[in-house]
Amino acid sequence: MFIDTHAHLYLEQFENDFEEVLLRARSCGVGIIVMPAIDILSIEKAIGLCDRNEGMYAMAALHPSAVKDASDDDFSRVAELCDSPYVVAIGETGLDYYWDRSFDTKQQDYVRRHIRLAIERDLPIIFHIREATSDLLRIVDEERTTSSQPTRLRGIFHCFTGSAEEAQRMWELGFYLGIGGIVTFKNAGLNDVVRDIPLDRLVLETDAPYLAPAPYRGRRNEPANVQLVAKKIASTKNVSVDHVADATTNNAKALFHI
């Protein structure tokens, strides 16, 4: 069985063929799909999908891009939605310096709020990170150091594309690395890094509808394609796909308690 730990199935890209997308995923062995949040509406939509479809789970958080216009009331609503039995993580939160640097301080404030909420609720946290690795790692380390319950701080660095040194620092902090379609891109340079990351520190993801793996690059991504990510990791590590599936599924189940 595969687990897609990161798929935005509540988005409009899946409105017309959601059932077919889910059937294709099931036929490829994807038994569980976890949906990260972007904003309040996305959390509520994800919870609704979970209520109607077996094997689906949700996260609750404000994506870095949504933080610019977020309020204290929005964050309070995130905390309320964590009470849903379908919410298994805080995410996706993090830092994104790629598009807009005008609210870096607010992003950092909100990622700290999310970290503290994850520790308070004893839930894993899923980080989005772009052009901000050093700041996010520093903040995670600071929050872990000052927390009275540091072992509760765990989760996934989603869409990992960093260096071997960054990977090691992340897993030494107690986190998994989410590997998606980028590992199949010829010039991504990710294979050499993934080869040396222990399988017990990896989870699979698609980030559907984004970042479809080869040979579907540029098209809409969907959870069925997680098998292509697993095949590439298996080839890179010279192990069987079943071995990758078993290891990454066990990792995700242990992290999310599902």
C-alpha atoms as a PDB file:
ATOM      1  CA  MET A   1       0.000   0.000   0.000  1.00  0.00           C
ATOM      2  CA  PHE A   2       1.041   3.569  -0.716  1.00  0.00           C
ATOM      3  CA  ILE A   3       0.159   6.659   1.302  1.00  0.00           C
ATOM      4  CA  ASP A   4       0.025  10.014  -0.432  1.00  0.00           C
ATOM      5  CA  THR A   5       0.918  12.328   2.440  1.00  0.00           C
ATOM      6  CA  HIS A   6       0.211  15.569   0.551  1.00  0.00           C
ATOM      7  CA  ALA A   7      -2.589  16.049  -2.003  1.00  0.00           C
ATOM      8  CA  HIS A   8      -4.950  19.036  -2.398  1.00  0.00           C
ATOM      9  CA  LEU A   9      -7.989  17.074  -3.588  1.00  0.00           C
ATOM     10  CA  TYR A  10     -10.446  19.752  -2.456  1.00  0.00           C
ATOM     11  CA  LEU A  11      -9.276  22.151  -5.189  1.00  0.00           C
ATOM     12  CA  GLU A  12     -11.398  22.998  -8.237  1.00  0.00           C
ATOM     13  CA  GLN A  13      -9.057  21.015 -10.501  1.00  0.00           C
ATOM     14  CA  PHE A  14     -10.720  17.854  -9.149  1.00  0.00           C
ATOM     15  CA  GLU A  15     -14.358  19.001  -9.108  1.00  0.00           C
ATOM     16  CA  ASN A  16     -15.366  17.322 -12.371  1.00  0.00           C
ATOM     17  CA  ASP A  17     -13.783  13.899 -11.896  1.00  0.00           C
ATOM     18  CA  PHE A  18     -13.080  13.478  -8.186  1.00  0.00           C
ATOM     19  CA  GLU A  19     -14.534   9.949  -8.050  1.00  0.00           C
ATOM     20  CA  GLU A  20     -12.467   8.825 -11.026  1.00  0.00           C
ATOM     21  CA  VAL A  21      -9.315  10.300  -9.485  1.00  0.00           C
ATOM     22  CA  LEU A  22     -10.021   8.392  -6.281  1.00  0.00           C
ATOM     23  CA  LEU A  23     -10.688   5.153  -8.173  1.00  0.00           C
ATOM     24  CA  ARG A  24      -7.406   5.463 -10.076  1.00  0.00           C
ATOM     25  CA  ALA A  25      -5.569   6.020  -6.804  1.00  0.00           C
ATOM     26  CA  ARG A  26      -7.160   2.960  -5.209  1.00  0.00           C
ATOM     27  CA  SER A  27      -6.391   0.818  -8.260  1.00  0.00           C
ATOM     28  CA  CYS A  28      -2.724   1.794  -7.925  1.00  0.00           C
ATOM     29  CA  GLY A  29      -2.604   0.790  -4.278  1.00  0.00           C
ATOM     30  CA  VAL A  30      -2.993   4.225  -2.699  1.00  0.00           C
ATOM     31  CA  GLY A  31      -4.902   3.324   0.456  1.00  0.00           C
ATOM     32  CA  ILE A  32      -4.643   6.612   2.346  1.00  0.00           C
ATOM     33  CA  ILE A  33      -4.550  10.251   1.218  1.00  0.00           C
ATOM     34  CA  VAL A  34      -3.735  13.146   3.553  1.00  0.00           C
ATOM     35  CA  MET A  35      -4.837  16.621   2.479  1.00  0.00           C
ATOM     36  CA  PRO A  36      -2.868  19.707   3.559  1.00  0.00           C
ATOM     37  CA  ALA A  37      -4.636  23.002   4.159  1.00  0.00           C
ATOM     38  CA  ILE A  38      -4.186  26.378   2.499  1.00  0.00           C
ATOM     39  CA  ASP A  39      -6.760  28.478   4.348  1.00  0.00           C
ATOM     40  CA  ILE A  40      -9.895  28.074   6.487  1.00  0.00           C
ATOM     41  CA  LEU A  41     -12.156  27.153   3.567  1.00  0.00           C
ATOM     42  CA  SER A  42      -9.740  24.449   2.410  1.00  0.00           C
ATOM     43  CA  ILE A  43      -9.682  22.863   5.869  1.00  0.00           C
ATOM     44  CA  GLU A  44     -13.471  22.752   5.939  1.00  0.00           C
ATOM     45  CA  LYS A  45     -13.627  21.293   2.418  1.00  0.00           C
ATOM     46  CA  ALA A  46     -11.026  18.651   3.269  1.00  0.00           C
ATOM     47  CA  ILE A  47     -12.918  17.614   6.404  1.00  0.00           C
ATOM     48  CA  GLY A  48     -16.066  17.279   4.304  1.00  0.00           C
ATOM     49  CA  LEU A  49     -14.286  14.988   1.839  1.00  0.00           C
ATOM     50  CA  CYS A  50     -12.967  12.886   4.708  1.00  0.00           C
ATOM     51  CA  ASP A  51     -16.483  12.485   6.071  1.00  0.00           C
ATOM     52  CA  ARG A  52     -17.694  11.126   2.735  1.00  0.00           C
ATOM     53  CA  ASN A  53     -14.692   9.023   1.680  1.00  0.00           C
ATOM     54  CA  GLU A  54     -12.871   6.302   3.566  1.00  0.00           C
ATOM     55  CA  GLY A  55      -9.099   6.510   3.859  1.00  0.00           C
ATOM     56  CA  MET A  56      -8.861  10.292   3.659  1.00  0.00           C
ATOM     57  CA  TYR A  57      -7.483  12.615   6.333  1.00  0.00           C
ATOM     58  CA  ALA A  58      -7.004  16.358   6.678  1.00  0.00           C
ATOM     59  CA  MET A  59      -4.571  18.903   8.076  1.00  0.00           C
ATOM     60  CA  ALA A  60      -5.327  22.328   9.548  1.00  0.00           C
ATOM     61  CA  ALA A  61      -3.156  25.426   9.060  1.00  0.00           C
ATOM     62  CA  LEU A  62      -2.659  28.621   7.115  1.00  0.00           C
ATOM     63  CA  HIS A  63      -0.293  28.291   4.167  1.00  0.00           C
ATOM     64  CA  PRO A  64       2.471  30.932   4.116  1.00  0.00           C
ATOM     65  CA  SER A  65       0.795  32.583   1.126  1.00  0.00           C
ATOM     66  CA  ALA A  66      -2.432  32.944   3.128  1.00  0.00           C
ATOM     67  CA  VAL A  67      -0.714  34.511   6.131  1.00  0.00           C
ATOM     68  CA  LYS A  68      -0.378  37.962   4.552  1.00  0.00           C
ATOM     69  CA  ASP A  69      -4.077  38.713   5.073  1.00  0.00           C
ATOM     70  CA  ALA A  70      -4.666  36.399   8.044  1.00  0.00           C
ATOM     71  CA  SER A  71      -6.028  37.558  11.386  1.00  0.00           C
ATOM     72  CA  ASP A  72      -5.973  36.299  14.944  1.00  0.00           C
ATOM     73  CA  ASP A  73      -9.547  35.090  14.388  1.00  0.00           C
ATOM     74  CA  ASP A  74      -8.372  33.007  11.439  1.00  0.00           C
ATOM     75  CA  PHE A  75      -5.754  31.313  13.562  1.00  0.00           C
ATOM     76  CA  SER A  76      -8.301  30.697  16.323  1.00  0.00           C
ATOM     77  CA  ARG A  77     -10.498  28.984  13.731  1.00  0.00           C
ATOM     78  CA  VAL A  78      -7.565  26.771  12.708  1.00  0.00           C
ATOM     79  CA  ALA A  79      -7.230  25.690  16.338  1.00  0.00           C
ATOM     80  CA  GLU A  80     -10.975  24.953  16.530  1.00  0.00           C
ATOM     81  CA  LEU A  81     -10.864  22.813  13.399  1.00  0.00           C
ATOM     82  CA  CYS A  82      -8.112  20.699  14.965  1.00  0.00           C
ATOM     83  CA  ASP A  83     -10.873  19.188  17.091  1.00  0.00           C
ATOM     84  CA  SER A  84     -12.143  17.280  14.062  1.00  0.00           C
ATOM     85  CA  PRO A  85     -11.317  13.553  14.277  1.00  0.00           C
ATOM     86  CA  TYR A  86     -10.200  13.733  10.644  1.00  0.00           C
ATOM     87  CA  VAL A  87      -7.455  16.285  11.325  1.00  0.00           C
ATOM     88  CA  VAL A  88      -4.206  14.385  11.841  1.00  0.00           C
ATOM     89  CA  ALA A  89      -1.635  17.183  11.473  1.00  0.00           C
ATOM     90  CA  ILE A  90      -0.935  20.894  11.474  1.00  0.00           C
ATOM     91  CA  GLY A  91      -0.128  21.901   7.933  1.00  0.00           C
ATOM     92  CA  GLU A  92       0.848  23.115   5.635  1.00  0.00           C
ATOM     93  CA  THR A  93       2.596  26.001   7.311  1.00  0.00           C
ATOM     94  CA  GLY A  94       6.106  27.321   6.858  1.00  0.00           C
ATOM     95  CA  LEU A  95       7.992  30.091   5.091  1.00  0.00           C
ATOM     96  CA  ASP A  96       7.922  31.152   1.455  1.00  0.00           C
ATOM     97  CA  TYR A  97      10.219  33.993   0.465  1.00  0.00           C
ATOM     98  CA  TYR A  98       9.968  33.350  -3.289  1.00  0.00           C
ATOM     99  CA  TRP A  99       7.037  35.548  -4.303  1.00  0.00           C
ATOM    100  CA  ASP A 100       6.770  38.339  -1.748  1.00  0.00           C
ATOM    101  CA  ARG A 101       9.236  39.490   0.916  1.00  0.00           C
ATOM    102  CA  SER A 102       6.979  42.227   2.322  1.00  0.00           C
ATOM    103  CA  PHE A 103       5.607  40.123   5.186  1.00  0.00           C
ATOM    104  CA  ASP A 104       8.535  37.935   6.255  1.00  0.00           C
ATOM    105  CA  THR A 105       8.085  38.909   9.900  1.00  0.00           C
ATOM    106  CA  LYS A 106       4.408  37.936   9.863  1.00  0.00           C
ATOM    107  CA  GLN A 107       5.234  34.607   8.219  1.00  0.00           C
ATOM    108  CA  GLN A 108       7.768  33.883  10.947  1.00  0.00           C
ATOM    109  CA  ASP A 109       5.259  34.832  13.654  1.00  0.00           C
ATOM    110  CA  TYR A 110       2.610  32.525  12.223  1.00  0.00           C
ATOM    111  CA  VAL A 111       4.928  29.588  11.721  1.00  0.00           C
ATOM    112  CA  ARG A 112       5.871  29.865  15.394  1.00  0.00           C
ATOM    113  CA  ARG A 113       2.157  29.923  16.283  1.00  0.00           C
ATOM    114  CA  HIS A 114       1.617  26.779  14.225  1.00  0.00           C
ATOM    115  CA  ILE A 115       4.591  25.045  15.851  1.00  0.00           C
ATOM    116  CA  ARG A 116       3.258  25.844  19.320  1.00  0.00           C
ATOM    117  CA  LEU A 117      -0.213  24.638  18.334  1.00  0.00           C
ATOM    118  CA  ALA A 118       1.257  21.367  17.063  1.00  0.00           C
ATOM    119  CA  ILE A 119       3.101  20.861  20.338  1.00  0.00           C
ATOM    120  CA  GLU A 120       0.014  21.764  22.371  1.00  0.00           C
ATOM    121  CA  ARG A 121      -2.200  19.336  20.419  1.00  0.00           C
ATOM    122  CA  ASP A 122       0.547  16.703  20.100  1.00  0.00           C
ATOM    123  CA  LEU A 123       0.100  16.650  16.325  1.00  0.00           C
ATOM    124  CA  PRO A 124       2.785  16.424  13.643  1.00  0.00           C
ATOM    125  CA  ILE A 125       3.469  19.561  11.629  1.00  0.00           C
ATOM    126  CA  ILE A 126       4.008  19.754   7.883  1.00  0.00           C
ATOM    127  CA  PHE A 127       6.291  22.495   6.596  1.00  0.00           C
ATOM    128  CA  HIS A 128       6.229  24.264   3.251  1.00  0.00           C
ATOM    129  CA  ILE A 129       9.583  25.887   2.564  1.00  0.00           C
ATOM    130  CA  ARG A 130      10.829  27.962  -0.361  1.00  0.00           C
ATOM    131  CA  GLU A 131      13.919  30.163  -0.410  1.00  0.00           C
ATOM    132  CA  ALA A 132      13.818  30.158   3.401  1.00  0.00           C
ATOM    133  CA  THR A 133      15.513  27.002   4.616  1.00  0.00           C
ATOM    134  CA  SER A 134      17.968  28.594   7.028  1.00  0.00           C
ATOM    135  CA  ASP A 135      15.305  30.737   8.710  1.00  0.00           C
ATOM    136  CA  LEU A 136      12.860  27.853   9.087  1.00  0.00           C
ATOM    137  CA  LEU A 137      15.463  25.475  10.481  1.00  0.00           C
ATOM    138  CA  ARG A 138      16.554  28.167  12.928  1.00  0.00           C
ATOM    139  CA  ILE A 139      12.973  28.736  14.081  1.00  0.00           C
ATOM    140  CA  VAL A 140      12.299  25.005  14.490  1.00  0.00           C
ATOM    141  CA  ASP A 141      15.481  24.643  16.532  1.00  0.00           C
ATOM    142  CA  GLU A 142      14.576  27.656  18.705  1.00  0.00           C
ATOM    143  CA  GLU A 143      11.034  26.429  19.338  1.00  0.00           C
ATOM    144  CA  ARG A 144      12.284  22.947  20.175  1.00  0.00           C
ATOM    145  CA  THR A 145      14.874  24.363  22.575  1.00  0.00           C
ATOM    146  CA  THR A 146      12.399  26.563  24.447  1.00  0.00           C
ATOM    147  CA  SER A 147       9.519  24.066  24.541  1.00  0.00           C
ATOM    148  CA  SER A 148       8.743  22.119  27.699  1.00  0.00           C
ATOM    149  CA  GLN A 149       7.721  19.182  25.450  1.00  0.00           C
ATOM    150  CA  PRO A 150      10.310  19.161  22.649  1.00  0.00           C
ATOM    151  CA  THR A 151       9.703  15.542  21.645  1.00  0.00           C
ATOM    152  CA  ARG A 152       6.220  16.510  20.474  1.00  0.00           C
ATOM    153  CA  LEU A 153       7.735  18.589  17.671  1.00  0.00           C
ATOM    154  CA  ARG A 154       7.846  16.244  14.694  1.00  0.00           C
ATOM    155  CA  GLY A 155       6.518  16.149  11.169  1.00  0.00           C
ATOM    156  CA  ILE A 156       7.460  16.468   7.514  1.00  0.00           C
ATOM    157  CA  PHE A 157       9.460  18.906   5.451  1.00  0.00           C
ATOM    158  CA  HIS A 158       7.163  18.756   2.435  1.00  0.00           C
ATOM    159  CA  CYS A 159       8.483  18.776  -1.150  1.00  0.00           C
ATOM    160  CA  PHE A 160      12.086  18.358  -0.088  1.00  0.00           C
ATOM    161  CA  THR A 161      14.589  19.535  -2.704  1.00  0.00           C
ATOM    162  CA  GLY A 162      17.511  20.554  -0.505  1.00  0.00           C
ATOM    163  CA  SER A 163      21.088  19.456   0.012  1.00  0.00           C
ATOM    164  CA  ALA A 164      22.398  16.386   1.807  1.00  0.00           C
ATOM    165  CA  GLU A 165      23.448  18.595   4.714  1.00  0.00           C
ATOM    166  CA  GLU A 166      19.956  20.106   5.003  1.00  0.00           C
ATOM    167  CA  ALA A 167      18.390  16.648   4.817  1.00  0.00           C
ATOM    168  CA  GLN A 168      20.547  15.382   7.651  1.00  0.00           C
ATOM    169  CA  ARG A 169      19.738  18.396   9.799  1.00  0.00           C
ATOM    170  CA  MET A 170      16.025  17.863   9.207  1.00  0.00           C
ATOM    171  CA  TRP A 171      15.998  14.203  10.139  1.00  0.00           C
ATOM    172  CA  GLU A 172      18.200  14.882  13.148  1.00  0.00           C
ATOM    173  CA  LEU A 173      15.483  17.298  14.292  1.00  0.00           C
ATOM    174  CA  GLY A 174      13.098  14.332  14.189  1.00  0.00           C
ATOM    175  CA  PHE A 175      11.406  15.092  10.863  1.00  0.00           C
ATOM    176  CA  TYR A 176      10.594  13.093   7.757  1.00  0.00           C
ATOM    177  CA  LEU A 177      11.303  14.359   4.261  1.00  0.00           C
ATOM    178  CA  GLY A 178       8.435  14.384   1.777  1.00  0.00           C
ATOM    179  CA  ILE A 179       9.551  13.238  -1.675  1.00  0.00           C
ATOM    180  CA  GLY A 180       7.365  13.932  -4.692  1.00  0.00           C
ATOM    181  CA  GLY A 181       7.457  14.182  -8.466  1.00  0.00           C
ATOM    182  CA  ILE A 182      10.540  16.401  -8.579  1.00  0.00           C
ATOM    183  CA  VAL A 183      12.673  13.305  -7.880  1.00  0.00           C
ATOM    184  CA  THR A 184      11.759  12.095 -11.382  1.00  0.00           C
ATOM    185  CA  PHE A 185      12.896  15.292 -13.117  1.00  0.00           C
ATOM    186  CA  LYS A 186      16.113  14.735 -15.054  1.00  0.00           C
ATOM    187  CA  ASN A 187      17.933  17.906 -14.015  1.00  0.00           C
ATOM    188  CA  ALA A 188      16.574  18.297 -10.481  1.00  0.00           C
ATOM    189  CA  GLY A 189      19.711  16.869  -8.851  1.00  0.00           C
ATOM    190  CA  LEU A 190      17.612  15.252  -6.142  1.00  0.00           C
ATOM    191  CA  ASN A 191      18.505  11.615  -6.816  1.00  0.00           C
ATOM    192  CA  ASP A 192      21.984  11.803  -5.322  1.00  0.00           C
ATOM    193  CA  VAL A 193      20.575  13.316  -2.129  1.00  0.00           C
ATOM    194  CA  VAL A 194      17.675  10.851  -1.868  1.00  0.00           C
ATOM    195  CA  ARG A 195      20.054   7.944  -2.364  1.00  0.00           C
ATOM    196  CA  ASP A 196      21.724   8.744   0.953  1.00  0.00           C
ATOM    197  CA  ILE A 197      18.614   9.554   3.005  1.00  0.00           C
ATOM    198  CA  PRO A 198      17.591   6.553   5.134  1.00  0.00           C
ATOM    199  CA  LEU A 199      14.266   5.049   4.069  1.00  0.00           C
ATOM    200  CA  ASP A 200      13.034   5.365   7.636  1.00  0.00           C
ATOM    201  CA  ARG A 201      13.147   9.160   7.149  1.00  0.00           C
ATOM    202  CA  LEU A 202      11.159   9.338   3.881  1.00  0.00           C
ATOM    203  CA  VAL A 203       7.466   9.633   3.057  1.00  0.00           C
ATOM    204  CA  LEU A 204       5.788   9.797  -0.355  1.00  0.00           C
ATOM    205  CA  GLU A 205       3.691  12.669  -1.670  1.00  0.00           C
ATOM    206  CA  THR A 206       2.289  14.068  -4.903  1.00  0.00           C
ATOM    207  CA  ASP A 207       1.306  17.664  -4.012  1.00  0.00           C
ATOM    208  CA  ALA A 208      -1.575  17.078  -6.460  1.00  0.00           C
ATOM    209  CA  PRO A 209      -2.590  18.857  -8.609  1.00  0.00           C
ATOM    210  CA  TYR A 210       0.945  20.291  -8.777  1.00  0.00           C
ATOM    211  CA  LEU A 211       4.379  18.868  -9.678  1.00  0.00           C
ATOM    212  CA  ALA A 212       3.342  15.834 -11.685  1.00  0.00           C
ATOM    213  CA  PRO A 213       6.213  13.343 -12.120  1.00  0.00           C
ATOM    214  CA  ALA A 214       7.728  12.351 -15.431  1.00  0.00           C
ATOM    215  CA  PRO A 215       6.357  11.378 -17.909  1.00  0.00           C
ATOM    216  CA  TYR A 216       3.358  13.549 -16.938  1.00  0.00           C
ATOM    217  CA  ARG A 217       5.305  16.691 -16.057  1.00  0.00           C
ATOM    218  CA  GLY A 218       3.255  19.812 -16.786  1.00  0.00           C
ATOM    219  CA  ARG A 219      -0.093  18.020 -16.490  1.00  0.00           C
ATOM    220  CA  ARG A 220      -2.442  17.834 -13.540  1.00  0.00           C
ATOM    221  CA  ASN A 221      -0.993  15.616 -10.852  1.00  0.00           C
ATOM    222  CA  GLU A 222      -3.070  13.117  -8.863  1.00  0.00           C
ATOM    223  CA  PRO A 223      -2.510  10.580  -6.051  1.00  0.00           C
ATOM    224  CA  ALA A 224      -2.204   7.603  -8.426  1.00  0.00           C
ATOM    225  CA  ASN A 225       1.135   9.045  -9.525  1.00  0.00           C
ATOM    226  CA  VAL A 226       2.643   8.431  -6.102  1.00  0.00           C
ATOM    227  CA  GLN A 227       3.584   4.986  -7.422  1.00  0.00           C
ATOM    228  CA  LEU A 228       5.905   6.668  -9.955  1.00  0.00           C
ATOM    229  CA  VAL A 229       7.657   8.488  -7.130  1.00  0.00           C
ATOM    230  CA  ALA A 230       8.072   5.190  -5.279  1.00  0.00           C
ATOM    231  CA  LYS A 231       9.486   3.513  -8.398  1.00  0.00           C
ATOM    232  CA  LYS A 232      12.047   6.258  -8.861  1.00  0.00           C
ATOM    233  CA  ILE A 233      13.144   6.060  -5.215  1.00  0.00           C
ATOM    234  CA  ALA A 234      13.386   2.266  -5.492  1.00  0.00           C
ATOM    235  CA  SER A 235      15.553   2.561  -8.603  1.00  0.00           C
ATOM    236  CA  THR A 236      17.740   5.215  -6.989  1.00  0.00           C
ATOM    237  CA  LYS A 237      18.275   3.124  -3.864  1.00  0.00           C
ATOM    238  CA  ASN A 238      18.478  -0.202  -5.732  1.00  0.00           C
ATOM    239  CA  VAL A 239      15.675  -1.766  -3.684  1.00  0.00           C
ATOM    240  CA  SER A 240      12.250  -3.108  -4.618  1.00  0.00           C
ATOM    241  CA  VAL A 241       9.184  -0.901  -4.959  1.00  0.00           C
ATOM    242  CA  ASP A 242       7.498  -3.074  -2.335  1.00  0.00           C
ATOM    243  CA  HIS A 243      10.299  -2.230   0.071  1.00  0.00           C
ATOM    244  CA  VAL A 244       9.828   1.494  -0.536  1.00  0.00           C
ATOM    245  CA  ALA A 245       6.044   1.146  -0.209  1.00  0.00           C
ATOM    246  CA  ASP A 246       6.302  -0.756   3.073  1.00  0.00           C
ATOM    247  CA  ALA A 247       8.856   1.587   4.615  1.00  0.00           C
ATOM    248  CA  THR A 248       7.173   4.843   3.635  1.00  0.00           C
ATOM    249  CA  THR A 249       3.710   3.570   4.587  1.00  0.00           C
ATOM    250  CA  ASN A 250       4.963   2.532   8.014  1.00  0.00           C
ATOM    251  CA  ASN A 251       6.612   5.937   8.426  1.00  0.00           C
ATOM    252  CA  ALA A 252       3.417   7.816   7.548  1.00  0.00           C
ATOM    253  CA  LYS A 253       1.219   5.620   9.731  1.00  0.00           C
ATOM    254  CA  ALA A 254       3.532   6.114  12.693  1.00  0.00           C
ATOM    255  CA  LEU A 255       3.663   9.873  12.176  1.00  0.00           C
ATOM    256  CA  PHE A 256      -0.054  10.484  11.671  1.00  0.00           C
ATOM    257  CA  HIS A 257      -1.268   7.691  13.999  1.00  0.00           C
ATOM    258  CA  ILE A 258      -3.515   6.290  11.271  1.00  0.00           C
END
